[in-house]
Each structure stands twice: as C-alpha cells, then as structure tokens.
Amino acid sequence: MHSRMSRPPSPVRLRRLGLKAQGLGSKRPLGTGLSGVQKALEQIGYVQIDTISVVARAHHHVLWNRVARYEEDMLNRLVKRHRAFEYWVHAAAYLPMRDFRFALPMMRAIADGEMWVRRTDGKLRERVLHRIRDEGPLFVRDFEDPRASRTGWWDWKPAKRALEELFMEGVLTSVERKGFQKRYELTERFLPADVNTRPPSSEEYADHAIDVSLRAHGFATARTMAYLCRDARLRKAVRERAAERAAEGDLEKRPGPGRDAVFAPPGTFDRALAPPPPRVRLLSPFDNTVIQRQRCAEVFDFDYTIECYVPEAKREYGYFVLPVVFGDQFVARLDAKAHRRERRFEIKALFLQEAAEAELSDDFAPALAAEVGSYARFNGCDELTIGDVTPKRWREPIAKALAAVQR
C-alpha cells in the first residue's frame, strides 16, 4: 500500500487533471450565459482583471474560453445581482460572492496598516464617504473639480487615492465598471443579507485556500495552495493544514513533478481520465492555468513569460503572446493583435514548441484555424491574416486552414 501511495502520478495524468478542473479539457464548457459565468467563477476561484486590450481583455478572454455564449457585460450583470464581487487576490479580480468572507483578512490587514499603507487625508476620506452615503454609488469622475485651473478637495488624484484606499480596506466596493472606471458603493449597503461576514479563523482560511486550489486545478502543492495568501502566517497555516488533512486521509499525497509533493482528494490519481478532444485553446497570458509560472513549467513543461513588461528589444516572442493548447499539451505561442476598426485579426507570429511540434498531427492546422476564427469573431474581427510561423514549414498548411474558415 505504501509503495502505491508513493508512486508519482504520470505527467499525462497531471496535465489532464489540471485542464479538466479548469474547464479546458473537454468539449463541454463549464456553463452557459450568466449562470455559466457564476459557475466558472466558483470553479476556478477568480478571474483576473487586466487593462491590456491588444486582444480581448484577460477577464473576458478567460470566461469566453469556459462559458458558452459569453458576453462582455455579464460580469457587470453578475455583480449587480450580488453573485460576484471585485477585490484583490494576486491582482485585481472578480470573485464569487460566496467567498467574500475570505477577503476579510486582507481587508483587515490593510485597514490596520499592516500592508499597503497609503493613508490619504482623513478629512478627504470622510468627505468621499459622506458623498457616497448621501448620493449613492459614484465614479471617480464624479469627484473631479469642475474648475480645471484649481486643485483642492476634489482634485481627481487625491479623491481617487482615497476611494482606492477605502476599497482595499473593504469600506467601499465596486458595483460596476464602465470602461475601467469603478463605481464605488458602501460595502455594507451592497452585500446581500445572506452573505457570511464573519472573519474566518486561520484553520477555516487554510481549508478554504486548499479547497479552492484543488477545485480549480484538480491537484496542488502546498505552495500553490497558498499562492493567493498575502500573509506569511496564513501561508504557514495552509502548509500545516494540508499535512494534517493528508495524515487524516482527507487528502492523498504523492510525489510531484517538481520538488514538492502534490495533494488531491482520495482516488484522484487512480481514476480513469479520457483524453481531451483534439481542440486548440488560445489562452490569455493571465489565464488561471498559466498564471503560476513555476506550476506551468513543472506540470505542462511550458516555460512562459509575458513580455509586455519587457523592453521591446529584449522580447523573444512578442508583446502579448497567447499560450496555445492542443489536446492536453501546450504546443505554441501566438503573437496576435485585433485591429478592431479594420475588423482584422492579425497573427503577427506563431512559434511552435520544439518538443511538441514533432508530434503534431494533421488535425492541428484546421483546429488552430477554427479556434482563431472563433476568437477573432469574439474580438469583433472577421478577416484573418498571418505573418511569420516558426518552423516555416507550418506556415502554408496553417495559412490554408485560416483561408478555409473565412469562406
């Protein structure tokens, strides 16, 4: 029994488990329409918000990949229905409302000055709150000084800082976004009556972090379970609680692909797993599957760096390169740009992974073209163009497949 339990899961099994949990490993999406968005948030834990619009913004791209008939206004609609809220995980994100209480430790730490200390003038904070309390939800622009030559109480920047501090402390929340401006409301007035606002104990928080990670990824190491914990004490609690649950038989523990052991619900590593369909998925650089770069490298043998923060001269692949999944493997990087005014979706360059390229079947080119065509339409584009392909021998079959999907 001990030797069976200590056997490491195969790389294929780990890849398939991870993609299946993320809603990327089968033909069926996680859900459809607005209820599908809620289901997807609850399954993968959160969706990161990002401002880059070279192609569809990350939060929309991630949900488009997982929700049938996804539309970009659905996140606002879900928030207005009190089914989701906006806060900070490792970055700004939408989270399911059921997880609200697990944002409280970070809110409290910020309010107590233990992290993210940027206190603005107390009188300004009170005046901001007073206006929202009296007038209802407001945007930053509602605090602009109409006298452009003068700065003061309602100068845009100080008001914005005050609003963001109050947001991070949990006093204010965002009830919608227009473009990238949040509309701020008193959190106490926004929360539904049935939401749990009791701060979690360290053990409750640790169990939550473990369960969210396992649900989102199928399996996890103690490090990946604690990935979203900003507090060293909570990270320690997660590690200790994972070990306790494994000792109690609530979790199964096996050697992992890296130096860390992997945990999963009992039986996970022995259950039969069907291979995913030969479908291509274009992922956002901020997709939950790839955002933990070390995990991505260990599980999928895909060493990914987003290069929009790298000086242009030092970029290896491009500004905003999309990881490409085919079946259960990461096989390429696609540098793309949506020219929305021209309704043209440009593949600036495609770089096939050397290790995966030799194993690609004839199904790859049409599968890539079908997914690019679908994603281009989501970006408001109906014309497809292609630039460089590495290795060059793949350019012709891919160009032909792209031409076929435009007919």
Protein backbone atom coordinates (compact mmCIF):
# COMPACT_ATOMS: atom_id res chain seq x y z
CA MET A 1 0.00 0.00 0.00
CA HIS A 2 2.78 2.42 0.90
CA SER A 3 4.58 1.94 -2.43
CA ARG A 4 1.39 2.51 -4.41
CA MET A 5 0.67 5.69 -2.48
CA SER A 6 4.19 6.97 -3.04
CA ARG A 7 4.10 6.43 -6.82
CA PRO A 8 4.19 9.80 -8.62
CA PRO A 9 1.28 10.50 -10.98
CA SER A 10 2.22 10.47 -14.66
CA PRO A 11 2.75 13.79 -16.45
CA VAL A 12 -0.15 12.98 -18.79
CA ARG A 13 -2.48 12.43 -15.82
CA LEU A 14 -1.45 15.69 -14.19
CA ARG A 15 -1.95 17.66 -17.40
CA ARG A 16 -5.39 16.18 -17.96
CA LEU A 17 -6.43 16.70 -14.35
CA GLY A 18 -5.35 20.32 -14.49
CA LEU A 19 -7.07 21.12 -17.78
CA LYS A 20 -10.27 19.30 -16.80
CA ALA A 21 -10.55 21.20 -13.50
CA GLN A 22 -10.01 24.48 -15.35
CA GLY A 23 -12.81 23.71 -17.78
CA LEU A 24 -10.40 23.39 -20.70
CA GLY A 25 -10.17 19.61 -21.07
CA SER A 26 -13.46 18.69 -22.73
CA LYS A 27 -15.89 19.83 -25.40
CA ARG A 28 -18.42 20.89 -22.78
CA PRO A 29 -17.98 24.36 -21.29
CA LEU A 30 -18.32 24.99 -17.56
CA GLY A 31 -21.68 26.60 -18.22
CA THR A 32 -23.76 28.83 -20.45
CA GLY A 33 -24.62 32.51 -20.23
CA LEU A 34 -24.86 34.37 -16.94
CA SER A 35 -25.30 31.26 -14.79
CA GLY A 36 -22.25 29.82 -16.55
CA VAL A 37 -20.17 32.86 -15.57
CA GLN A 38 -21.11 32.31 -11.93
CA LYS A 39 -20.34 28.60 -12.20
CA ALA A 40 -16.99 29.31 -13.82
CA LEU A 41 -16.02 31.81 -11.11
CA GLU A 42 -16.93 29.30 -8.42
CA GLN A 43 -14.98 26.55 -10.19
CA ILE A 44 -11.72 28.38 -10.93
CA GLY A 45 -11.87 30.72 -7.92
CA TYR A 46 -11.41 34.13 -9.53
CA VAL A 47 -10.85 35.90 -12.83
CA GLN A 48 -8.05 38.44 -13.07
CA ILE A 49 -8.92 41.90 -14.40
CA ASP A 50 -6.46 43.40 -16.86
CA THR A 51 -6.37 46.61 -18.89
CA ILE A 52 -4.38 45.44 -21.93
CA SER A 53 -6.62 45.41 -25.00
CA VAL A 54 -4.36 44.21 -27.83
CA VAL A 55 -6.84 41.35 -27.93
CA ALA A 56 -9.88 40.76 -25.68
CA ARG A 57 -9.08 41.76 -22.10
CA ALA A 58 -7.99 38.95 -19.82
CA HIS A 59 -11.15 38.68 -17.70
CA HIS A 60 -13.31 38.38 -20.80
CA HIS A 61 -10.90 36.04 -22.59
CA VAL A 62 -10.71 33.65 -19.61
CA LEU A 63 -14.50 33.40 -19.37
CA TRP A 64 -15.02 33.17 -23.14
CA ASN A 65 -12.87 30.03 -23.05
CA ARG A 66 -15.10 28.44 -20.41
CA VAL A 67 -18.63 29.77 -20.84
CA ALA A 68 -20.86 29.20 -23.87
CA ARG A 69 -22.48 32.36 -25.24
CA TYR A 70 -20.34 34.58 -23.03
CA GLU A 71 -20.90 38.35 -23.44
CA GLU A 72 -18.71 41.11 -22.04
CA ASP A 73 -21.46 42.76 -19.98
CA MET A 74 -22.07 39.59 -17.97
CA LEU A 75 -19.53 40.36 -15.25
CA ASN A 76 -21.22 43.70 -14.52
CA ARG A 77 -24.59 41.96 -14.51
CA LEU A 78 -23.36 39.27 -12.13
CA VAL A 79 -22.01 41.91 -9.72
CA LYS A 80 -25.29 43.85 -9.86
CA ARG A 81 -27.11 40.64 -8.92
CA HIS A 82 -24.79 40.26 -5.91
CA ARG A 83 -23.41 36.96 -7.21
CA ALA A 84 -19.84 38.24 -7.57
CA PHE A 85 -17.66 41.00 -6.13
CA GLU A 86 -14.44 42.71 -7.04
CA TYR A 87 -11.35 42.66 -4.87
CA TRP A 88 -7.64 41.91 -4.91
CA VAL A 89 -6.10 38.44 -4.98
CA HIS A 90 -2.62 38.47 -6.56
CA ALA A 91 -4.11 41.22 -8.74
CA ALA A 92 -7.48 42.91 -9.24
CA ALA A 93 -10.09 40.22 -9.79
CA TYR A 94 -13.72 39.17 -9.83
CA LEU A 95 -14.57 36.55 -7.21
CA PRO A 96 -17.72 34.57 -6.37
CA MET A 97 -19.82 36.22 -3.66
CA ARG A 98 -19.81 33.04 -1.58
CA ASP A 99 -16.09 33.64 -0.93
CA PHE A 100 -16.50 37.19 0.39
CA ARG A 101 -15.56 36.38 3.99
CA PHE A 102 -12.18 35.07 2.87
CA ALA A 103 -11.26 38.52 1.59
CA LEU A 104 -11.77 39.92 5.09
CA PRO A 105 -8.28 39.06 6.45
CA MET A 106 -6.62 41.15 3.75
CA MET A 107 -9.10 43.99 4.20
CA ARG A 108 -8.43 44.00 7.93
CA ALA A 109 -4.64 43.90 7.48
CA ILE A 110 -4.80 46.91 5.15
CA ALA A 111 -7.14 48.82 7.47
CA ASP A 112 -4.79 48.10 10.39
CA GLY A 113 -1.79 49.39 8.44
CA GLU A 114 -0.06 46.01 8.25
CA MET A 115 0.18 46.13 4.45
CA TRP A 116 -0.43 48.53 1.54
CA VAL A 117 -0.16 51.65 3.70
CA ARG A 118 -1.01 54.78 1.71
CA ARG A 119 -3.14 56.90 4.06
CA THR A 120 -4.63 60.00 2.45
CA ASP A 121 -6.03 62.94 4.38
CA GLY A 122 -8.64 61.75 6.88
CA LYS A 123 -10.97 64.65 6.10
CA LEU A 124 -10.90 63.79 2.40
CA ARG A 125 -11.74 60.18 3.17
CA GLU A 126 -14.70 61.32 5.30
CA ARG A 127 -15.97 63.65 2.59
CA VAL A 128 -15.72 60.91 -0.04
CA LEU A 129 -17.69 58.57 2.20
CA HIS A 130 -20.22 61.27 3.03
CA ARG A 131 -20.99 61.89 -0.64
CA ILE A 132 -21.41 58.19 -1.44
CA ARG A 133 -23.55 57.71 1.65
CA ASP A 134 -25.82 60.58 0.60
CA GLU A 135 -25.77 60.33 -3.19
CA GLY A 136 -25.36 56.59 -3.77
CA PRO A 137 -22.72 54.86 -5.93
CA LEU A 138 -20.24 57.24 -7.62
CA PHE A 139 -17.41 57.06 -10.14
CA VAL A 140 -14.05 58.76 -9.70
CA ARG A 141 -15.10 61.31 -12.32
CA ASP A 142 -17.91 62.42 -10.03
CA PHE A 143 -15.22 63.84 -7.73
CA GLU A 144 -13.42 65.91 -10.35
CA ASP A 145 -13.06 69.63 -9.69
CA PRO A 146 -15.01 71.46 -12.44
CA ARG A 147 -12.58 74.38 -12.08
CA ALA A 148 -9.75 72.93 -14.17
CA SER A 149 -7.20 75.50 -13.03
CA ARG A 150 -7.61 74.67 -9.38
CA THR A 151 -6.69 71.70 -7.25
CA GLY A 152 -8.13 71.01 -3.84
CA TRP A 153 -10.57 68.69 -2.09
CA TRP A 154 -12.00 67.36 -5.33
CA ASP A 155 -8.82 67.19 -7.36
CA TRP A 156 -9.10 63.87 -9.23
CA LYS A 157 -5.93 62.21 -7.97
CA PRO A 158 -6.38 62.65 -4.20
CA ALA A 159 -10.03 61.58 -4.46
CA LYS A 160 -9.07 58.52 -6.47
CA ARG A 161 -6.44 57.56 -3.90
CA ALA A 162 -8.96 57.92 -1.10
CA LEU A 163 -11.53 55.82 -2.97
CA GLU A 164 -8.99 53.08 -3.66
CA GLU A 165 -7.80 53.01 -0.05
CA LEU A 166 -11.37 52.66 1.17
CA PHE A 167 -11.95 49.97 -1.44
CA MET A 168 -8.89 47.99 -0.35
CA GLU A 169 -9.95 48.32 3.30
CA GLY A 170 -13.35 46.89 2.42
CA VAL A 171 -15.28 50.02 3.37
CA LEU A 172 -16.22 50.57 -0.29
CA THR A 173 -16.82 48.08 -3.06
CA SER A 174 -17.31 48.32 -6.82
CA VAL A 175 -20.84 47.76 -8.11
CA GLU A 176 -19.95 48.07 -11.81
CA ARG A 177 -17.26 49.14 -14.24
CA LYS A 178 -17.63 51.42 -17.22
CA GLY A 179 -14.51 51.07 -19.26
CA PHE A 180 -12.02 50.81 -16.44
CA GLN A 181 -13.66 53.18 -14.01
CA LYS A 182 -15.17 51.56 -10.95
CA ARG A 183 -18.44 52.79 -9.49
CA TYR A 184 -17.96 52.82 -5.72
CA GLU A 185 -20.63 51.98 -3.16
CA LEU A 186 -20.64 51.36 0.59
CA THR A 187 -19.85 47.69 1.06
CA GLU A 188 -22.36 47.35 3.89
CA ARG A 189 -25.09 48.61 1.57
CA PHE A 190 -24.07 46.35 -1.32
CA LEU A 191 -23.68 42.99 0.38
CA PRO A 192 -26.67 40.63 0.20
CA ALA A 193 -28.34 39.84 3.52
CA ASP A 194 -27.30 36.19 3.45
CA VAL A 195 -23.56 36.71 2.88
CA ASN A 196 -21.31 35.46 5.67
CA THR A 197 -19.27 38.36 7.06
CA ARG A 198 -17.72 36.52 10.00
CA PRO A 199 -13.91 36.66 9.67
CA PRO A 200 -12.51 33.16 9.15
CA SER A 201 -10.17 31.54 11.64
CA SER A 202 -6.71 30.55 10.39
CA GLU A 203 -7.88 26.95 10.01
CA GLU A 204 -11.01 27.97 8.11
CA TYR A 205 -8.94 30.18 5.83
CA ALA A 206 -6.43 27.38 5.25
CA ASP A 207 -9.19 24.89 4.41
CA HIS A 208 -10.70 27.40 2.01
CA ALA A 209 -7.37 28.02 0.26
CA ILE A 210 -6.81 24.27 -0.07
CA ASP A 211 -10.30 23.54 -1.36
CA VAL A 212 -10.30 26.42 -3.86
CA SER A 213 -6.96 25.32 -5.25
CA LEU A 214 -7.98 21.67 -5.56
CA ARG A 215 -11.28 22.56 -7.20
CA ALA A 216 -9.58 24.92 -9.65
CA HIS A 217 -6.60 22.75 -10.57
CA GLY A 218 -7.51 19.15 -9.70
CA PHE A 219 -4.40 18.77 -7.55
CA ALA A 220 -2.00 21.17 -5.86
CA THR A 221 1.20 21.51 -3.89
CA ALA A 222 1.26 23.29 -0.54
CA ARG A 223 2.96 26.19 -2.32
CA THR A 224 0.27 26.51 -4.99
CA MET A 225 -2.48 26.17 -2.38
CA ALA A 226 -1.03 29.20 -0.61
CA TYR A 227 -0.39 31.15 -3.81
CA LEU A 228 -3.06 33.77 -3.09
CA CYS A 229 -2.15 34.20 0.59
CA ARG A 230 -0.52 37.57 1.19
CA ASP A 231 0.25 36.83 4.84
CA ALA A 232 3.15 34.55 5.88
CA ARG A 233 1.12 33.30 8.84
CA LEU A 234 -1.69 32.18 6.54
CA ARG A 235 0.77 30.51 4.15
CA LYS A 236 2.16 28.57 7.10
CA ALA A 237 -1.38 27.63 8.18
CA VAL A 238 -2.10 26.28 4.68
CA ARG A 239 1.03 24.11 4.67
CA GLU A 240 0.27 22.72 8.12
CA ARG A 241 -3.40 22.11 7.37
CA ALA A 242 -2.61 20.27 4.10
CA ALA A 243 -0.26 17.96 6.02
CA GLU A 244 -2.93 17.38 8.70
CA ARG A 245 -5.61 16.55 6.16
CA ALA A 246 -3.28 14.15 4.37
CA ALA A 247 -2.47 12.42 7.67
CA GLU A 248 -6.22 12.16 8.40
CA GLY A 249 -6.89 10.58 5.00
CA ASP A 250 -8.92 13.55 3.78
CA LEU A 251 -6.27 14.25 1.13
CA GLU A 252 -4.00 11.97 -0.84
CA LYS A 253 -0.33 12.90 -1.09
CA ARG A 254 2.04 11.85 -3.86
CA PRO A 255 5.47 12.89 -5.15
CA GLY A 256 5.07 15.73 -7.62
CA PRO A 257 6.75 16.69 -10.90
CA GLY A 258 9.00 19.17 -9.06
CA ARG A 259 10.49 19.08 -5.61
CA ASP A 260 7.12 19.47 -3.86
CA ALA A 261 4.56 16.77 -3.13
CA VAL A 262 1.11 17.04 -4.72
CA PHE A 263 -2.18 16.72 -2.86
CA ALA A 264 -5.62 15.77 -4.16
CA PRO A 265 -8.89 14.24 -2.93
CA PRO A 266 -8.52 10.47 -2.36
CA GLY A 267 -8.72 8.42 -5.55
CA THR A 268 -7.94 11.35 -7.86
CA PHE A 269 -4.69 9.88 -9.13
CA ASP A 270 -6.19 6.44 -9.90
CA ARG A 271 -9.41 7.47 -11.62
CA ALA A 272 -9.67 6.88 -15.37
CA LEU A 273 -9.29 10.07 -17.41
CA ALA A 274 -10.42 10.31 -21.01
CA PRO A 275 -8.09 12.19 -23.35
CA PRO A 276 -9.28 15.70 -24.22
CA PRO A 277 -10.61 16.32 -27.74
CA PRO A 278 -8.09 17.41 -30.39
CA ARG A 279 -9.12 21.02 -29.97
CA VAL A 280 -6.95 24.12 -29.79
CA ARG A 281 -7.37 26.63 -26.96
CA LEU A 282 -5.86 30.10 -27.10
CA LEU A 283 -5.21 31.22 -23.52
CA SER A 284 -4.80 34.67 -22.08
CA PRO A 285 -1.37 35.36 -20.55
CA PHE A 286 -3.34 35.91 -17.33
CA ASP A 287 -5.33 32.69 -17.60
CA ASN A 288 -5.62 30.83 -14.29
CA THR A 289 -3.92 27.82 -15.92
CA VAL A 290 -0.69 29.67 -16.64
CA ILE A 291 -0.53 32.48 -14.07
CA GLN A 292 1.52 30.34 -11.66
CA ARG A 293 4.58 30.17 -13.90
CA GLN A 294 6.50 27.55 -11.89
CA ARG A 295 3.49 25.24 -11.82
CA CYS A 296 3.01 25.72 -15.56
CA ALA A 297 6.63 24.76 -16.20
CA GLU A 298 6.53 21.72 -13.91
CA VAL A 299 3.18 20.32 -14.99
CA PHE A 300 3.00 21.31 -18.66
CA ASP A 301 6.71 21.70 -19.48
CA PHE A 302 5.88 25.21 -20.67
CA ASP A 303 8.23 27.96 -19.55
CA TYR A 304 6.16 31.07 -20.14
CA THR A 305 6.94 34.74 -19.61
CA ILE A 306 4.63 37.58 -20.57
CA GLU A 307 6.79 40.10 -22.42
CA CYS A 308 4.63 43.23 -22.42
CA TYR A 309 6.67 44.34 -19.40
CA VAL A 310 9.97 43.56 -21.17
CA PRO A 311 11.69 46.25 -23.30
CA GLU A 312 10.88 45.63 -26.96
CA ALA A 313 14.49 44.95 -27.93
CA LYS A 314 14.69 42.15 -25.36
CA ARG A 315 11.45 40.38 -26.29
CA GLU A 316 11.85 36.86 -27.60
CA TYR A 317 8.30 36.23 -28.83
CA GLY A 318 6.20 39.41 -28.70
CA TYR A 319 4.26 41.95 -26.66
CA PHE A 320 1.18 39.91 -25.66
CA VAL A 321 1.71 36.30 -26.66
CA LEU A 322 -1.09 33.78 -26.16
CA PRO A 323 -0.20 30.26 -24.99
CA VAL A 324 -1.66 27.64 -27.33
CA VAL A 325 -3.00 24.33 -26.00
CA PHE A 326 -3.74 21.39 -28.31
CA GLY A 327 -5.31 18.37 -26.64
CA ASP A 328 -3.53 18.14 -23.30
CA GLN A 329 -0.28 19.88 -24.22
CA PHE A 330 0.99 23.42 -24.60
CA VAL A 331 2.28 23.42 -28.16
CA ALA A 332 2.87 27.01 -29.25
CA ARG A 333 2.88 30.76 -28.60
CA LEU A 334 0.77 33.06 -30.73
CA ASP A 335 1.53 36.78 -31.01
CA ALA A 336 -1.74 38.40 -32.06
CA LYS A 337 -3.41 41.77 -32.42
CA ALA A 338 -7.06 42.62 -33.02
CA HIS A 339 -7.36 45.57 -35.41
CA ARG A 340 -10.97 46.27 -34.46
CA ARG A 341 -11.56 49.28 -36.74
CA GLU A 342 -10.46 47.22 -39.72
CA ARG A 343 -12.21 44.11 -38.34
CA ARG A 344 -8.94 42.27 -38.92
CA PHE A 345 -7.35 39.75 -36.59
CA GLU A 346 -3.60 39.53 -37.19
CA ILE A 347 -1.41 36.62 -36.26
CA LYS A 348 1.84 38.53 -36.13
CA ALA A 349 3.85 35.39 -35.39
CA LEU A 350 3.35 31.79 -34.32
CA PHE A 351 6.10 29.87 -32.53
CA LEU A 352 5.65 26.11 -32.22
CA GLN A 353 7.26 24.35 -29.27
CA GLU A 354 10.19 22.31 -30.50
CA ALA A 355 9.34 19.32 -28.30
CA ALA A 356 5.66 19.29 -29.27
CA GLU A 357 5.99 20.20 -32.94
CA ALA A 358 7.36 16.79 -33.98
CA GLU A 359 4.26 15.09 -32.51
CA LEU A 360 1.62 17.38 -34.00
CA SER A 361 -0.92 15.60 -36.18
CA ASP A 362 -2.55 16.83 -39.37
CA ASP A 363 -5.51 17.89 -37.21
CA PHE A 364 -3.53 20.76 -35.72
CA ALA A 365 -3.72 23.31 -38.56
CA PRO A 366 -7.54 23.11 -39.00
CA ALA A 367 -8.06 23.01 -35.24
CA LEU A 368 -5.91 26.13 -34.80
CA ALA A 369 -7.71 27.91 -37.62
CA ALA A 370 -11.13 27.08 -36.19
CA GLU A 371 -10.18 28.45 -32.77
CA VAL A 372 -8.50 31.56 -34.19
CA GLY A 373 -11.59 32.22 -36.31
CA SER A 374 -13.89 31.88 -33.29
CA TYR A 375 -11.67 34.05 -31.10
CA ALA A 376 -11.36 36.68 -33.86
CA ARG A 377 -15.16 36.96 -34.01
CA PHE A 378 -15.22 37.45 -30.23
CA ASN A 379 -12.76 40.31 -30.81
CA GLY A 380 -15.08 41.86 -33.42
CA CYS A 381 -12.95 40.75 -36.37
CA ASP A 382 -13.86 38.69 -39.42
CA GLU A 383 -10.67 38.90 -41.50
CA LEU A 384 -7.66 36.75 -40.57
CA THR A 385 -4.07 37.46 -41.59
CA ILE A 386 -0.89 35.62 -40.73
CA GLY A 387 2.76 36.65 -40.55
CA ASP A 388 5.72 34.51 -39.55
CA VAL A 389 5.47 30.89 -38.46
CA THR A 390 8.32 29.01 -36.81
CA PRO A 391 9.18 26.41 -38.10
CA LYS A 392 8.45 27.81 -41.59
CA ARG A 393 7.10 24.51 -42.95
CA TRP A 394 3.93 25.00 -40.92
CA ARG A 395 3.05 28.37 -42.45
CA GLU A 396 1.44 27.07 -45.64
CA PRO A 397 -0.92 24.49 -44.05
CA ILE A 398 -1.94 26.98 -41.36
CA ALA A 399 -2.50 29.78 -43.89
CA LYS A 400 -4.66 27.44 -45.99
CA ALA A 401 -6.68 26.41 -42.94
CA LEU A 402 -7.21 30.06 -41.97
CA ALA A 403 -8.37 30.86 -45.51
CA ALA A 404 -10.84 27.96 -45.34
CA VAL A 405 -12.52 29.20 -42.15
CA GLN A 406 -13.09 32.63 -43.72
CA ARG A 407 -15.03 31.32 -46.71
